[in-house]
Amino acid sequence: MTKARDLADLGPNTGLVHINTTSFSAVASQSINDVFSSSFKNYRVFLTVYGTSETSIEFRLRASGSDNTSTNYNRQRLRGFGTSVTAARNTNSNTWELGGISNSSNYRSCKDIIFFSPYQSINTMAICSSISYFGGANGIEVRNHTAVHKVNSSYDGFTFFPGTGNITGEVIIFGIKE
């Protein structure tokens, strides 16, 4: 039987290693290239974004500067808004929809995404927790997404874009040291 490591046993050579920070303004899409490599197995991405309209934010994996637009993206979502909780899923899509975005710099959306094994030639998986503020007493939305790209390919980056309009914000990418 394998014993789980105690947090105290992790030592100084574990944690997050900064790879890239990219700011963007009024763009229809943002591609991030050459951030996944054999240096790390898993990655953590922090995205702060708002758009010109209230819409979804979509993701695609990239290899050698090209998006994978195949219909191999599956996603499961749990959403809380006001006092309502809903669930949804998408299968055989050409993107991962990983949360909503607001249409004001005062009401931005923040996403915490973990990519599992994007550079390895196995199915890439992701978890995304997001919070969006749309203003007002009931304007907070929380979403949790799980996603699988069901192709055994290696990816070195990703693209994200709004369902409609343009986006402004910042993305910070870290490798996770084991």
N, C-alpha and C. Protein backbone atom coordinates (compact mmCIF):
# COMPACT_ATOMS: atom_id res chain seq x y z
N MET A 1 0.84 -1.16 0.00
CA MET A 1 0.00 0.00 0.00
C MET A 1 0.89 1.24 0.00
N THR A 2 0.55 2.20 -0.83
CA THR A 2 1.30 3.44 -0.92
C THR A 2 0.75 4.45 0.08
N LYS A 3 1.64 5.04 0.85
CA LYS A 3 1.23 6.03 1.84
C LYS A 3 1.22 7.41 1.19
N ALA A 4 0.16 8.17 1.39
CA ALA A 4 0.07 9.53 0.87
C ALA A 4 1.13 10.38 1.55
N ARG A 5 1.76 11.28 0.78
CA ARG A 5 2.78 12.14 1.34
C ARG A 5 2.15 13.20 2.23
N ASP A 6 2.79 13.43 3.37
CA ASP A 6 2.39 14.50 4.26
C ASP A 6 2.88 15.82 3.65
N LEU A 7 2.12 16.89 3.81
CA LEU A 7 2.53 18.18 3.26
C LEU A 7 3.91 18.60 3.73
N ALA A 8 4.28 18.26 4.96
CA ALA A 8 5.60 18.61 5.48
C ALA A 8 6.71 17.89 4.73
N ASP A 9 6.39 16.75 4.11
CA ASP A 9 7.40 15.97 3.38
C ASP A 9 7.65 16.47 1.97
N LEU A 10 6.87 17.44 1.51
CA LEU A 10 7.01 17.88 0.12
C LEU A 10 8.32 18.62 -0.13
N GLY A 11 8.80 19.38 0.83
CA GLY A 11 10.09 20.02 0.71
C GLY A 11 10.10 21.25 -0.18
N PRO A 12 11.27 21.89 -0.29
CA PRO A 12 11.38 23.16 -1.01
C PRO A 12 11.34 23.03 -2.54
N ASN A 13 11.47 21.83 -3.08
CA ASN A 13 11.51 21.66 -4.53
C ASN A 13 10.15 21.35 -5.12
N THR A 14 9.08 21.66 -4.40
CA THR A 14 7.73 21.45 -4.90
C THR A 14 7.01 22.79 -4.98
N GLY A 15 5.90 22.82 -5.66
CA GLY A 15 5.11 24.05 -5.74
C GLY A 15 4.94 24.53 -7.16
N LEU A 16 4.64 25.82 -7.30
CA LEU A 16 4.38 26.42 -8.60
C LEU A 16 5.63 27.14 -9.12
N VAL A 17 5.89 26.96 -10.41
CA VAL A 17 7.01 27.63 -11.06
C VAL A 17 6.43 28.52 -12.17
N HIS A 18 6.68 29.82 -12.09
CA HIS A 18 6.14 30.76 -13.07
C HIS A 18 6.72 30.48 -14.46
N ILE A 19 5.86 30.41 -15.46
CA ILE A 19 6.28 30.16 -16.84
C ILE A 19 6.00 31.38 -17.71
N ASN A 20 4.82 31.99 -17.56
CA ASN A 20 4.44 33.06 -18.50
C ASN A 20 3.35 33.92 -17.88
N THR A 21 3.43 35.21 -18.16
CA THR A 21 2.34 36.14 -17.87
C THR A 21 2.06 36.91 -19.15
N THR A 22 0.81 36.95 -19.57
CA THR A 22 0.42 37.67 -20.78
C THR A 22 -0.78 38.55 -20.46
N SER A 23 -0.65 39.84 -20.77
CA SER A 23 -1.78 40.76 -20.69
C SER A 23 -2.31 40.99 -22.09
N PHE A 24 -3.61 41.21 -22.22
CA PHE A 24 -4.22 41.41 -23.53
C PHE A 24 -5.34 42.42 -23.39
N SER A 25 -5.63 43.11 -24.47
CA SER A 25 -6.64 44.17 -24.43
C SER A 25 -7.45 44.18 -25.72
N ALA A 26 -8.77 44.09 -25.58
CA ALA A 26 -9.72 44.19 -26.69
C ALA A 26 -9.37 43.27 -27.85
N VAL A 27 -9.14 41.98 -27.54
CA VAL A 27 -8.80 41.00 -28.58
C VAL A 27 -9.96 40.03 -28.77
N ALA A 28 -10.07 39.49 -29.97
CA ALA A 28 -11.11 38.50 -30.28
C ALA A 28 -10.71 37.12 -29.78
N SER A 29 -9.41 36.87 -29.62
CA SER A 29 -8.90 35.62 -29.06
C SER A 29 -7.48 35.85 -28.58
N GLN A 30 -7.02 34.99 -27.68
CA GLN A 30 -5.65 35.08 -27.19
C GLN A 30 -5.03 33.69 -27.22
N SER A 31 -3.97 33.53 -27.97
CA SER A 31 -3.24 32.26 -28.04
C SER A 31 -1.99 32.34 -27.19
N ILE A 32 -1.72 31.27 -26.48
CA ILE A 32 -0.53 31.15 -25.64
C ILE A 32 0.23 29.94 -26.15
N ASN A 33 1.43 30.16 -26.68
CA ASN A 33 2.22 29.10 -27.29
C ASN A 33 3.42 28.72 -26.42
N ASP A 34 3.88 27.49 -26.58
CA ASP A 34 5.13 27.00 -25.99
C ASP A 34 5.21 27.16 -24.48
N VAL A 35 4.11 26.87 -23.77
CA VAL A 35 4.13 26.92 -22.30
C VAL A 35 4.05 25.54 -21.68
N PHE A 36 3.53 24.55 -22.39
CA PHE A 36 3.52 23.17 -21.91
C PHE A 36 4.72 22.46 -22.51
N SER A 37 5.45 21.72 -21.68
CA SER A 37 6.64 21.01 -22.16
C SER A 37 6.89 19.80 -21.28
N SER A 38 7.97 19.10 -21.56
CA SER A 38 8.32 17.94 -20.75
C SER A 38 8.84 18.33 -19.37
N SER A 39 9.02 19.61 -19.11
CA SER A 39 9.52 20.07 -17.80
C SER A 39 8.52 19.81 -16.67
N PHE A 40 7.22 19.83 -16.99
CA PHE A 40 6.18 19.64 -15.98
C PHE A 40 5.11 18.72 -16.53
N LYS A 41 4.47 17.98 -15.65
CA LYS A 41 3.37 17.12 -16.05
C LYS A 41 2.05 17.90 -16.02
N ASN A 42 1.86 18.74 -15.00
CA ASN A 42 0.60 19.47 -14.81
C ASN A 42 0.87 20.97 -14.68
N TYR A 43 -0.17 21.76 -14.97
CA TYR A 43 -0.03 23.22 -15.02
C TYR A 43 -1.22 23.89 -14.34
N ARG A 44 -0.95 25.06 -13.76
CA ARG A 44 -2.01 25.85 -13.15
C ARG A 44 -2.05 27.21 -13.85
N VAL A 45 -3.25 27.62 -14.23
CA VAL A 45 -3.44 28.86 -14.99
C VAL A 45 -4.45 29.74 -14.25
N PHE A 46 -4.07 31.00 -14.06
CA PHE A 46 -4.98 31.99 -13.47
C PHE A 46 -5.34 32.98 -14.57
N LEU A 47 -6.63 33.11 -14.82
CA LEU A 47 -7.12 34.01 -15.87
C LEU A 47 -8.08 35.01 -15.24
N THR A 48 -7.79 36.29 -15.45
CA THR A 48 -8.70 37.37 -15.05
C THR A 48 -9.12 38.06 -16.34
N VAL A 49 -10.44 38.16 -16.57
CA VAL A 49 -10.91 38.60 -17.89
C VAL A 49 -12.26 39.28 -17.79
N TYR A 50 -12.51 40.21 -18.69
CA TYR A 50 -13.85 40.74 -18.91
C TYR A 50 -13.99 40.97 -20.41
N GLY A 51 -15.23 41.09 -20.87
CA GLY A 51 -15.46 41.21 -22.30
C GLY A 51 -16.32 42.39 -22.66
N THR A 52 -16.62 42.50 -23.94
CA THR A 52 -17.51 43.56 -24.42
C THR A 52 -18.97 43.13 -24.30
N SER A 53 -19.20 41.87 -23.91
CA SER A 53 -20.57 41.40 -23.66
C SER A 53 -20.52 40.29 -22.62
N GLU A 54 -21.63 40.05 -21.95
CA GLU A 54 -21.73 38.92 -21.04
C GLU A 54 -21.86 37.67 -21.90
N THR A 55 -20.89 36.78 -21.79
CA THR A 55 -20.83 35.62 -22.67
C THR A 55 -19.99 34.53 -22.01
N SER A 56 -19.75 33.46 -22.73
CA SER A 56 -18.90 32.38 -22.25
C SER A 56 -17.45 32.63 -22.65
N ILE A 57 -16.54 31.91 -22.00
CA ILE A 57 -15.14 31.90 -22.42
C ILE A 57 -14.83 30.48 -22.87
N GLU A 58 -14.28 30.36 -24.06
CA GLU A 58 -14.02 29.07 -24.69
C GLU A 58 -12.51 28.81 -24.75
N PHE A 59 -12.11 27.52 -24.66
CA PHE A 59 -10.71 27.12 -24.72
C PHE A 59 -10.51 26.06 -25.79
N ARG A 60 -9.32 26.10 -26.40
CA ARG A 60 -8.86 25.03 -27.30
C ARG A 60 -7.39 24.76 -27.00
N LEU A 61 -7.00 23.52 -27.11
CA LEU A 61 -5.59 23.15 -26.97
C LEU A 61 -4.86 23.44 -28.27
N ARG A 62 -3.55 23.71 -28.18
CA ARG A 62 -2.73 24.06 -29.35
C ARG A 62 -1.48 23.18 -29.40
N ALA A 63 -1.02 22.93 -30.62
CA ALA A 63 0.26 22.25 -30.85
C ALA A 63 0.94 22.94 -32.02
N SER A 64 2.19 23.31 -31.84
CA SER A 64 2.99 23.95 -32.90
C SER A 64 2.28 25.15 -33.52
N GLY A 65 1.62 25.96 -32.70
CA GLY A 65 0.99 27.19 -33.18
C GLY A 65 -0.38 27.03 -33.82
N SER A 66 -0.97 25.83 -33.76
CA SER A 66 -2.29 25.60 -34.37
C SER A 66 -3.27 25.05 -33.34
N ASP A 67 -4.48 25.60 -33.34
CA ASP A 67 -5.54 25.09 -32.46
C ASP A 67 -6.02 23.73 -32.92
N ASN A 68 -6.34 22.87 -31.96
CA ASN A 68 -7.02 21.62 -32.28
C ASN A 68 -8.51 21.93 -32.28
N THR A 69 -9.12 21.91 -33.46
CA THR A 69 -10.54 22.26 -33.60
C THR A 69 -11.43 21.02 -33.80
N SER A 70 -10.86 19.84 -33.54
CA SER A 70 -11.64 18.62 -33.68
C SER A 70 -12.77 18.59 -32.65
N THR A 71 -13.72 17.70 -32.85
CA THR A 71 -14.86 17.59 -31.94
C THR A 71 -14.59 16.52 -30.88
N ASN A 72 -13.51 16.74 -30.13
CA ASN A 72 -13.09 15.80 -29.10
C ASN A 72 -13.05 16.41 -27.71
N TYR A 73 -13.73 17.54 -27.52
CA TYR A 73 -13.75 18.23 -26.23
C TYR A 73 -15.05 17.88 -25.50
N ASN A 74 -14.94 17.37 -24.29
CA ASN A 74 -16.09 17.06 -23.43
C ASN A 74 -15.98 17.88 -22.16
N ARG A 75 -17.12 18.34 -21.63
CA ARG A 75 -17.12 19.17 -20.44
C ARG A 75 -18.37 18.92 -19.61
N GLN A 76 -18.20 18.94 -18.29
CA GLN A 76 -19.31 18.86 -17.33
C GLN A 76 -19.25 20.12 -16.48
N ARG A 77 -20.42 20.76 -16.22
CA ARG A 77 -20.45 22.03 -15.51
C ARG A 77 -21.48 22.01 -14.38
N LEU A 78 -21.12 22.66 -13.27
CA LEU A 78 -22.03 22.94 -12.18
C LEU A 78 -21.98 24.45 -11.96
N ARG A 79 -23.15 25.11 -12.00
CA ARG A 79 -23.21 26.57 -11.95
C ARG A 79 -24.16 27.02 -10.85
N GLY A 80 -23.70 27.99 -10.07
CA GLY A 80 -24.55 28.62 -9.07
C GLY A 80 -24.66 30.11 -9.37
N PHE A 81 -25.90 30.62 -9.46
CA PHE A 81 -26.13 32.04 -9.72
C PHE A 81 -27.36 32.45 -8.94
N GLY A 82 -27.21 33.49 -8.11
CA GLY A 82 -28.32 33.86 -7.23
C GLY A 82 -28.62 32.69 -6.31
N THR A 83 -29.84 32.20 -6.32
CA THR A 83 -30.20 31.04 -5.50
C THR A 83 -30.42 29.79 -6.35
N SER A 84 -30.04 29.84 -7.63
CA SER A 84 -30.23 28.70 -8.53
C SER A 84 -28.94 27.94 -8.74
N VAL A 85 -29.05 26.64 -8.83
CA VAL A 85 -27.92 25.77 -9.17
C VAL A 85 -28.34 24.93 -10.37
N THR A 86 -27.51 24.92 -11.40
CA THR A 86 -27.80 24.14 -12.60
C THR A 86 -26.58 23.32 -12.99
N ALA A 87 -26.81 22.31 -13.76
CA ALA A 87 -25.74 21.47 -14.29
C ALA A 87 -25.93 21.33 -15.79
N ALA A 88 -24.82 21.13 -16.48
CA ALA A 88 -24.88 20.93 -17.94
C ALA A 88 -23.64 20.18 -18.37
N ARG A 89 -23.71 19.62 -19.55
CA ARG A 89 -22.53 19.00 -20.14
C ARG A 89 -22.55 19.20 -21.64
N ASN A 90 -21.36 19.16 -22.20
CA ASN A 90 -21.18 19.20 -23.64
C ASN A 90 -20.27 18.04 -24.00
N THR A 91 -20.64 17.31 -25.03
CA THR A 91 -19.79 16.24 -25.52
C THR A 91 -19.55 16.46 -27.01
N ASN A 92 -18.43 15.96 -27.46
CA ASN A 92 -18.07 16.05 -28.88
C ASN A 92 -18.15 17.47 -29.42
N SER A 93 -17.67 18.41 -28.61
CA SER A 93 -17.64 19.82 -29.00
C SER A 93 -16.26 20.15 -29.59
N ASN A 94 -16.13 21.31 -30.22
CA ASN A 94 -14.82 21.72 -30.74
C ASN A 94 -14.15 22.75 -29.83
N THR A 95 -14.70 22.96 -28.60
CA THR A 95 -14.08 23.81 -27.58
C THR A 95 -14.48 23.29 -26.20
N TRP A 96 -13.76 23.77 -25.19
CA TRP A 96 -14.20 23.65 -23.81
C TRP A 96 -14.77 24.99 -23.42
N GLU A 97 -16.00 25.05 -22.99
CA GLU A 97 -16.56 26.28 -22.42
C GLU A 97 -16.27 26.21 -20.93
N LEU A 98 -15.44 27.15 -20.43
CA LEU A 98 -14.99 27.10 -19.04
C LEU A 98 -15.41 28.33 -18.25
N GLY A 99 -16.67 28.69 -18.34
CA GLY A 99 -17.19 29.75 -17.49
C GLY A 99 -17.70 30.94 -18.26
N GLY A 100 -18.35 31.82 -17.53
CA GLY A 100 -18.89 33.03 -18.12
C GLY A 100 -17.95 34.21 -17.87
N ILE A 101 -18.19 35.28 -18.60
CA ILE A 101 -17.45 36.53 -18.37
C ILE A 101 -18.44 37.68 -18.37
N SER A 102 -18.10 38.71 -17.62
CA SER A 102 -18.94 39.91 -17.56
C SER A 102 -18.46 40.93 -18.59
N ASN A 103 -19.19 42.03 -18.68
CA ASN A 103 -18.89 43.02 -19.71
C ASN A 103 -18.40 44.34 -19.13
N SER A 104 -17.68 44.30 -18.01
CA SER A 104 -17.19 45.53 -17.40
C SER A 104 -15.91 45.24 -16.63
N SER A 105 -14.94 46.16 -16.71
CA SER A 105 -13.71 45.99 -15.94
C SER A 105 -13.99 46.02 -14.44
N ASN A 106 -15.09 46.62 -14.03
CA ASN A 106 -15.48 46.61 -12.62
C ASN A 106 -16.05 45.27 -12.22
N TYR A 107 -16.54 44.48 -13.18
CA TYR A 107 -17.20 43.20 -12.91
C TYR A 107 -16.48 42.10 -13.68
N ARG A 108 -15.26 41.84 -13.34
CA ARG A 108 -14.45 40.87 -14.08
C ARG A 108 -14.72 39.45 -13.61
N SER A 109 -14.19 38.50 -14.35
CA SER A 109 -14.30 37.08 -14.03
C SER A 109 -12.90 36.54 -13.75
N CYS A 110 -12.79 35.68 -12.75
CA CYS A 110 -11.50 35.08 -12.40
C CYS A 110 -11.63 33.57 -12.50
N LYS A 111 -10.64 32.95 -13.13
CA LYS A 111 -10.66 31.51 -13.35
C LYS A 111 -9.35 30.90 -12.86
N ASP A 112 -9.48 29.75 -12.20
CA ASP A 112 -8.35 28.98 -11.72
C ASP A 112 -8.45 27.63 -12.42
N ILE A 113 -7.52 27.37 -13.34
CA ILE A 113 -7.60 26.19 -14.20
C ILE A 113 -6.37 25.31 -13.96
N ILE A 114 -6.59 24.03 -13.78
CA ILE A 114 -5.48 23.08 -13.71
C ILE A 114 -5.58 22.18 -14.93
N PHE A 115 -4.50 22.16 -15.72
CA PHE A 115 -4.40 21.26 -16.87
C PHE A 115 -3.58 20.05 -16.45
N PHE A 116 -4.13 18.86 -16.68
CA PHE A 116 -3.46 17.61 -16.35
C PHE A 116 -2.89 16.99 -17.61
N SER A 117 -1.58 16.85 -17.66
CA SER A 117 -0.85 16.13 -18.71
C SER A 117 -1.08 16.65 -20.13
N PRO A 118 -1.07 17.96 -20.35
CA PRO A 118 -1.30 18.43 -21.72
C PRO A 118 -0.17 18.09 -22.69
N TYR A 119 1.07 17.99 -22.19
CA TYR A 119 2.20 17.73 -23.08
C TYR A 119 2.40 16.24 -23.34
N GLN A 120 1.89 15.41 -22.44
CA GLN A 120 2.01 13.97 -22.63
C GLN A 120 1.01 13.51 -23.69
N SER A 121 1.34 12.47 -24.38
CA SER A 121 0.44 11.95 -25.42
C SER A 121 -0.61 11.03 -24.82
N ILE A 122 -1.42 11.62 -23.92
CA ILE A 122 -2.57 10.95 -23.33
C ILE A 122 -3.71 11.96 -23.30
N ASN A 123 -4.89 11.54 -22.90
CA ASN A 123 -6.02 12.47 -22.81
C ASN A 123 -5.66 13.63 -21.88
N THR A 124 -5.85 14.84 -22.33
CA THR A 124 -5.66 16.01 -21.47
C THR A 124 -6.95 16.26 -20.71
N MET A 125 -6.81 16.51 -19.42
CA MET A 125 -7.97 16.82 -18.59
C MET A 125 -7.75 18.17 -17.94
N ALA A 126 -8.84 18.80 -17.52
CA ALA A 126 -8.75 20.10 -16.86
C ALA A 126 -9.85 20.25 -15.83
N ILE A 127 -9.56 21.02 -14.80
CA ILE A 127 -10.54 21.44 -13.82
C ILE A 127 -10.51 22.96 -13.80
N CYS A 128 -11.67 23.59 -13.83
CA CYS A 128 -11.74 25.05 -13.80
C CYS A 128 -12.75 25.48 -12.74
N SER A 129 -12.31 26.29 -11.81
CA SER A 129 -13.20 26.95 -10.86
C SER A 129 -13.22 28.42 -11.23
N SER A 130 -14.41 29.01 -11.31
CA SER A 130 -14.47 30.41 -11.69
C SER A 130 -15.51 31.16 -10.89
N ILE A 131 -15.26 32.44 -10.76
CA ILE A 131 -16.21 33.34 -10.13
C ILE A 131 -16.33 34.56 -11.04
N SER A 132 -17.54 35.00 -11.25
CA SER A 132 -17.80 36.19 -12.04
C SER A 132 -18.71 37.10 -11.24
N TYR A 133 -18.47 38.39 -11.34
CA TYR A 133 -19.33 39.37 -10.68
C TYR A 133 -19.97 40.24 -11.74
N PHE A 134 -21.28 40.27 -11.75
CA PHE A 134 -22.03 41.02 -12.75
C PHE A 134 -22.70 42.25 -12.14
N GLY A 135 -22.38 42.58 -10.89
CA GLY A 135 -22.97 43.74 -10.22
C GLY A 135 -24.27 43.39 -9.53
N GLY A 136 -24.65 44.20 -8.55
CA GLY A 136 -25.91 43.99 -7.85
C GLY A 136 -25.84 42.90 -6.81
N ALA A 137 -26.91 42.77 -6.04
CA ALA A 137 -26.96 41.82 -4.94
C ALA A 137 -26.90 40.37 -5.40
N ASN A 138 -27.48 40.05 -6.54
CA ASN A 138 -27.49 38.67 -7.04
C ASN A 138 -26.48 38.43 -8.15
N GLY A 139 -25.52 39.33 -8.30
CA GLY A 139 -24.64 39.29 -9.45
C GLY A 139 -23.43 38.40 -9.37
N ILE A 140 -23.34 37.52 -8.39
CA ILE A 140 -22.18 36.64 -8.28
C ILE A 140 -22.52 35.28 -8.87
N GLU A 141 -21.66 34.81 -9.75
CA GLU A 141 -21.82 33.49 -10.35
C GLU A 141 -20.58 32.66 -10.03
N VAL A 142 -20.79 31.43 -9.63
CA VAL A 142 -19.70 30.50 -9.43
C VAL A 142 -19.92 29.30 -10.34
N ARG A 143 -18.83 28.85 -10.96
CA ARG A 143 -18.92 27.68 -11.84
C ARG A 143 -17.75 26.74 -11.56
N ASN A 144 -18.03 25.48 -11.64
CA ASN A 144 -16.99 24.46 -11.59
C ASN A 144 -17.15 23.59 -12.83
N HIS A 145 -16.05 23.41 -13.52
CA HIS A 145 -16.04 22.64 -14.76
C HIS A 145 -15.00 21.52 -14.66
N THR A 146 -15.31 20.40 -15.24
CA THR A 146 -14.32 19.36 -15.50
C THR A 146 -14.34 19.13 -17.00
N ALA A 147 -13.16 18.88 -17.55
CA ALA A 147 -13.08 18.78 -19.01
C ALA A 147 -12.09 17.68 -19.40
N VAL A 148 -12.38 17.03 -20.50
CA VAL A 148 -11.51 16.00 -21.06
C VAL A 148 -11.39 16.23 -22.55
N HIS A 149 -10.15 16.20 -23.05
CA HIS A 149 -9.92 16.16 -24.50
C HIS A 149 -9.54 14.73 -24.80
N LYS A 150 -10.41 14.02 -25.52
CA LYS A 150 -10.30 12.57 -25.63
C LYS A 150 -9.45 12.09 -26.80
N VAL A 151 -8.31 12.78 -27.03
CA VAL A 151 -7.35 12.37 -28.05
C VAL A 151 -5.98 12.27 -27.38
N ASN A 152 -5.24 11.23 -27.68
CA ASN A 152 -3.92 11.03 -27.11
C ASN A 152 -2.88 11.80 -27.91
N SER A 153 -2.85 13.12 -27.72
CA SER A 153 -1.90 13.98 -28.43
C SER A 153 -1.17 14.87 -27.44
N SER A 154 -0.05 15.41 -27.88
CA SER A 154 0.75 16.32 -27.09
C SER A 154 0.43 17.76 -27.50
N TYR A 155 0.23 18.63 -26.49
CA TYR A 155 -0.07 20.04 -26.75
C TYR A 155 0.92 20.92 -26.01
N ASP A 156 1.28 22.05 -26.63
CA ASP A 156 2.23 22.96 -26.00
C ASP A 156 1.62 24.31 -25.63
N GLY A 157 0.33 24.48 -25.87
CA GLY A 157 -0.31 25.74 -25.52
C GLY A 157 -1.82 25.66 -25.64
N PHE A 158 -2.46 26.82 -25.61
CA PHE A 158 -3.92 26.89 -25.68
C PHE A 158 -4.34 28.25 -26.21
N THR A 159 -5.58 28.32 -26.66
CA THR A 159 -6.22 29.55 -27.09
C THR A 159 -7.51 29.70 -26.29
N PHE A 160 -7.83 30.92 -25.91
CA PHE A 160 -9.13 31.18 -25.30
C PHE A 160 -9.75 32.39 -25.98
N PHE A 161 -11.09 32.40 -26.01
CA PHE A 161 -11.80 33.46 -26.71
C PHE A 161 -13.22 33.54 -26.19
N PRO A 162 -13.86 34.70 -26.33
CA PRO A 162 -15.24 34.83 -25.86
C PRO A 162 -16.22 34.24 -26.87
N GLY A 163 -17.42 33.89 -26.39
CA GLY A 163 -18.47 33.43 -27.28
C GLY A 163 -18.86 34.51 -28.27
N THR A 164 -18.85 35.76 -27.83
CA THR A 164 -19.08 36.93 -28.70
C THR A 164 -18.23 38.08 -28.20
N GLY A 165 -17.88 38.98 -29.10
CA GLY A 165 -17.17 40.20 -28.71
C GLY A 165 -15.68 40.03 -28.51
N ASN A 166 -15.10 40.95 -27.75
CA ASN A 166 -13.67 40.97 -27.45
C ASN A 166 -13.45 40.82 -25.96
N ILE A 167 -12.19 40.50 -25.59
CA ILE A 167 -11.84 40.33 -24.18
C ILE A 167 -10.60 41.13 -23.83
N THR A 168 -10.50 41.47 -22.54
CA THR A 168 -9.36 42.17 -21.97
C THR A 168 -9.03 41.48 -20.65
N GLY A 169 -7.73 41.36 -20.34
CA GLY A 169 -7.37 40.75 -19.08
C GLY A 169 -5.93 40.32 -19.00
N GLU A 170 -5.70 39.30 -18.16
CA GLU A 170 -4.35 38.78 -17.93
C GLU A 170 -4.43 37.29 -17.65
N VAL A 171 -3.44 36.56 -18.15
CA VAL A 171 -3.33 35.13 -17.88
C VAL A 171 -1.93 34.87 -17.34
N ILE A 172 -1.86 34.10 -16.24
CA ILE A 172 -0.59 33.74 -15.61
C ILE A 172 -0.52 32.22 -15.57
N ILE A 173 0.61 31.67 -16.04
CA ILE A 173 0.76 30.21 -16.18
C ILE A 173 1.92 29.73 -15.32
N PHE A 174 1.66 28.66 -14.58
CA PHE A 174 2.66 28.04 -13.71
C PHE A 174 2.77 26.56 -14.03
N GLY A 175 3.98 26.02 -13.96
CA GLY A 175 4.17 24.58 -13.95
C GLY A 175 4.06 24.12 -12.52
N ILE A 176 3.55 22.92 -12.31
CA ILE A 176 3.41 22.37 -10.96
C ILE A 176 4.54 21.38 -10.74
N LYS A 177 5.46 21.71 -9.82
CA LYS A 177 6.55 20.80 -9.48
C LYS A 177 6.03 19.71 -8.56
N GLU A 178 6.45 18.50 -8.81
CA GLU A 178 5.99 17.38 -7.97
C GLU A 178 6.98 17.10 -6.85
